[in-house]
């Protein structure tokens, strides 16, 4: 399992998953995303994005649209996506990253702290209001000093062993006579021998 930059050809895949999970796709650019990949199967397991908000005073870094496919949850995939995003933010010169999320308990294990909306930069206060109105009514602001990020060991270990759990939606359906409009209790067949 590893995390890499998204490729342009993965734009449709990302948009489909973002929509399916009810995440924020505003100002979408696939190049802002990272994707977690199973190296054995090349299956995509999760994703996330850095969004830079430019203002006259300063640039602000937000982690957003973080999602893990259901069959990959609970194995450290989201943790490693967040870790990569925080690393990228640090590489871009940001000391602080923000997230406007309804998953505050999840982010707290990495060192994020919940803050009052009044502590947000103005651009993010406006964005929080929009997000609460349109996507996540229970979104709250979170903040992390990049050098304070921590990865729980259980999530680091889980990521090394991560594997997709069977997703019943991916399984081929078993077709029966009813699927073809045949009542099996009443039907007779051309070569039925009656016995």
Protein backbone atom coordinates (compact mmCIF):
# COMPACT_ATOMS: atom_id res chain seq x y z
CA UNK A 1 0.00 0.00 0.00
CA UNK A 2 1.32 3.45 -0.86
CA UNK A 3 0.08 7.01 -1.46
CA UNK A 4 0.91 8.90 -4.66
CA UNK A 5 -0.17 11.99 -6.57
CA UNK A 6 -3.38 11.60 -8.59
CA UNK A 7 -3.05 11.43 -12.36
CA UNK A 8 -5.19 13.42 -14.81
CA UNK A 9 -6.76 10.21 -16.13
CA UNK A 10 -8.17 9.53 -12.63
CA UNK A 11 -10.35 12.64 -12.68
CA UNK A 12 -13.57 10.76 -13.46
CA UNK A 13 -12.84 8.12 -10.81
CA UNK A 14 -12.22 10.84 -8.22
CA UNK A 15 -15.35 12.82 -9.11
CA UNK A 16 -17.50 9.67 -8.96
CA UNK A 17 -16.16 8.73 -5.50
CA UNK A 18 -16.41 12.30 -4.18
CA UNK A 19 -20.03 12.52 -5.30
CA UNK A 20 -20.83 9.03 -3.99
CA UNK A 21 -19.43 9.90 -0.55
CA UNK A 22 -21.09 13.33 -0.44
CA UNK A 23 -17.76 15.15 -0.22
CA UNK A 24 -16.83 18.62 -1.37
CA UNK A 25 -15.82 18.92 -5.03
CA UNK A 26 -15.74 22.72 -5.30
CA UNK A 27 -12.82 24.11 -7.34
CA UNK A 28 -11.94 20.52 -8.30
CA UNK A 29 -8.48 19.93 -9.77
CA UNK A 30 -7.23 16.35 -9.92
CA UNK A 31 -3.62 17.52 -9.52
CA UNK A 32 -4.43 18.64 -5.95
CA UNK A 33 -5.28 15.07 -4.88
CA UNK A 34 -3.33 12.11 -3.62
CA UNK A 35 -4.57 8.53 -3.94
CA UNK A 36 -3.82 5.48 -1.78
CA UNK A 37 -3.07 2.44 -3.96
CA UNK A 38 -2.77 -1.26 -3.14
CA UNK A 39 0.56 -2.15 -4.72
CA UNK A 40 -0.40 -5.80 -5.21
CA UNK A 41 -3.64 -5.16 -7.14
CA UNK A 42 -3.33 -1.48 -8.17
CA UNK A 43 -6.75 -1.00 -6.58
CA UNK A 44 -7.50 2.53 -5.39
CA UNK A 45 -8.37 2.63 -1.69
CA UNK A 46 -8.64 6.29 -0.68
CA UNK A 47 -7.90 9.89 -1.59
CA UNK A 48 -7.64 13.43 -0.29
CA UNK A 49 -6.82 16.93 -1.34
CA UNK A 50 -4.92 20.07 -0.42
CA UNK A 51 -6.76 23.25 -1.31
CA UNK A 52 -4.82 26.50 -1.18
CA UNK A 53 -6.85 29.66 -0.61
CA UNK A 54 -5.03 32.78 -1.77
CA UNK A 55 -5.73 36.07 -0.01
CA UNK A 56 -4.07 39.47 -0.02
CA UNK A 57 -2.61 38.85 3.43
CA UNK A 58 -1.58 35.19 3.32
CA UNK A 59 -2.17 31.86 1.65
CA UNK A 60 -4.21 29.34 3.65
CA UNK A 61 -3.96 25.56 3.34
CA UNK A 62 -7.03 23.37 3.79
CA UNK A 63 -7.19 19.57 3.78
CA UNK A 64 -10.48 18.54 2.24
CA UNK A 65 -12.36 15.83 0.33
CA UNK A 66 -10.69 13.01 2.24
CA UNK A 67 -12.37 9.69 1.58
CA UNK A 68 -11.69 5.97 1.97
CA UNK A 69 -13.63 3.34 0.05
CA UNK A 70 -15.77 1.30 2.41
CA UNK A 71 -13.93 -2.00 1.95
CA UNK A 72 -10.63 -0.30 2.93
CA UNK A 73 -11.79 1.50 6.08
CA UNK A 74 -10.28 0.85 9.50
CA UNK A 75 -6.86 -0.08 8.09
CA UNK A 76 -4.93 3.19 8.20
CA UNK A 77 -5.61 4.25 4.61
CA UNK A 78 -7.15 7.61 5.53
CA UNK A 79 -4.37 8.22 8.06
CA UNK A 80 -1.71 7.83 5.40
CA UNK A 81 -3.59 10.04 2.96
CA UNK A 82 -3.69 12.74 5.65
CA UNK A 83 -0.02 12.21 6.46
CA UNK A 84 0.94 12.74 2.81
CA UNK A 85 -1.22 15.88 2.57
CA UNK A 86 0.37 17.33 5.72
CA UNK A 87 3.84 16.55 4.32
CA UNK A 88 2.97 18.35 1.08
CA UNK A 89 1.63 21.33 3.03
CA UNK A 90 4.92 21.53 4.94
CA UNK A 91 6.87 21.25 1.68
CA UNK A 92 4.85 24.21 0.36
CA UNK A 93 5.89 26.28 3.36
CA UNK A 94 2.70 26.05 5.44
CA UNK A 95 3.09 25.83 9.22
CA UNK A 96 -0.65 25.43 9.84
CA UNK A 97 -3.29 23.41 7.98
CA UNK A 98 -7.05 23.59 8.46
CA UNK A 99 -9.88 21.18 7.86
CA UNK A 100 -13.63 21.87 7.90
CA UNK A 101 -15.07 18.48 8.70
CA UNK A 102 -17.77 16.42 10.35
CA UNK A 103 -15.07 13.87 11.37
CA UNK A 104 -13.39 15.89 14.14
CA UNK A 105 -12.89 12.86 16.42
CA UNK A 106 -10.99 11.10 13.65
CA UNK A 107 -8.68 14.07 12.97
CA UNK A 108 -7.94 14.66 16.68
CA UNK A 109 -5.87 11.45 16.84
CA UNK A 110 -3.36 13.09 14.46
CA UNK A 111 -2.98 16.27 16.53
CA UNK A 112 -5.73 18.40 14.98
CA UNK A 113 -7.55 20.60 17.46
CA UNK A 114 -11.06 21.92 17.19
CA UNK A 115 -11.17 25.69 17.09
CA UNK A 116 -13.86 28.34 17.29
CA UNK A 117 -15.05 29.56 13.87
CA UNK A 118 -13.93 33.08 14.88
CA UNK A 119 -10.33 31.76 14.93
CA UNK A 120 -10.51 30.83 11.25
CA UNK A 121 -9.10 33.12 8.60
CA UNK A 122 -11.98 35.05 7.02
CA UNK A 123 -11.83 33.07 3.76
CA UNK A 124 -12.34 29.80 5.67
CA UNK A 125 -15.12 31.24 7.83
CA UNK A 126 -17.05 31.96 4.64
CA UNK A 127 -16.23 28.49 3.32
CA UNK A 128 -17.37 26.86 6.57
CA UNK A 129 -20.75 28.58 6.26
CA UNK A 130 -21.13 27.41 2.66
CA UNK A 131 -20.08 23.88 3.56
CA UNK A 132 -22.54 23.73 6.46
CA UNK A 133 -25.37 24.97 4.22
CA UNK A 134 -24.69 22.69 1.25
CA UNK A 135 -22.70 19.57 2.15
CA UNK A 136 -22.01 18.93 5.84
CA UNK A 137 -24.36 20.70 8.26
CA UNK A 138 -22.31 19.47 11.23
CA UNK A 139 -18.88 20.50 9.87
CA UNK A 140 -16.56 22.10 12.43
CA UNK A 141 -13.22 23.88 12.00
CA UNK A 142 -10.01 22.01 12.88
CA UNK A 143 -6.41 23.21 12.89
CA UNK A 144 -3.03 21.45 12.97
CA UNK A 145 0.49 22.78 13.31
CA UNK A 146 2.30 20.77 10.61
CA UNK A 147 5.19 19.87 12.92
CA UNK A 148 2.71 18.48 15.50
CA UNK A 149 1.27 15.80 13.22
CA UNK A 150 1.45 12.34 14.77
CA UNK A 151 0.55 8.94 13.37
CA UNK A 152 -0.80 6.34 15.82
CA UNK A 153 1.30 3.18 15.51
CA UNK A 154 -1.77 0.96 15.08
CA UNK A 155 -2.68 2.91 11.91
CA UNK A 156 0.88 2.73 10.59
CA UNK A 157 0.91 -1.04 11.17
CA UNK A 158 -2.60 -1.48 9.72
CA UNK A 159 -1.61 0.30 6.52
CA UNK A 160 1.28 -2.13 5.95
CA UNK A 161 -1.16 -5.06 6.04
CA UNK A 162 -4.20 -3.37 4.46
CA UNK A 163 -6.36 -5.39 2.10
CA UNK A 164 -9.80 -4.87 0.63
CA UNK A 165 -12.62 -6.60 2.39
CA UNK A 166 -15.04 -8.24 -0.01
CA UNK A 167 -17.62 -5.72 -1.08
CA UNK A 168 -20.96 -7.44 -1.74
CA UNK A 169 -21.78 -4.77 -4.33
CA UNK A 170 -18.77 -5.88 -6.39
CA UNK A 171 -19.77 -9.55 -6.41
CA UNK A 172 -21.45 -10.96 -9.50
CA UNK A 173 -25.14 -11.52 -8.80
CA UNK A 174 -26.49 -15.04 -8.96
CA UNK A 175 -29.21 -15.12 -11.59
CA UNK A 176 -32.24 -17.32 -11.22
CA UNK A 177 -35.25 -18.12 -13.41
CA UNK A 178 -37.15 -15.17 -11.91
CA UNK A 179 -34.58 -12.79 -13.44
CA UNK A 180 -35.76 -13.94 -16.87
CA UNK A 181 -39.47 -13.69 -16.11
CA UNK A 182 -39.92 -17.41 -15.48
CA UNK A 183 -41.99 -18.73 -12.59
CA UNK A 184 -40.06 -21.88 -11.63
CA UNK A 185 -43.10 -23.44 -9.92
CA UNK A 186 -45.35 -23.15 -12.97
CA UNK A 187 -42.99 -23.34 -15.94
CA UNK A 188 -42.74 -26.33 -18.19
CA UNK A 189 -39.72 -26.84 -20.35
CA UNK A 190 -39.41 -28.10 -23.87
CA UNK A 191 -37.41 -31.14 -22.81
CA UNK A 192 -39.16 -31.70 -19.50
CA UNK A 193 -39.54 -35.45 -18.97
CA UNK A 194 -42.00 -35.00 -16.12
CA UNK A 195 -39.99 -36.89 -13.67
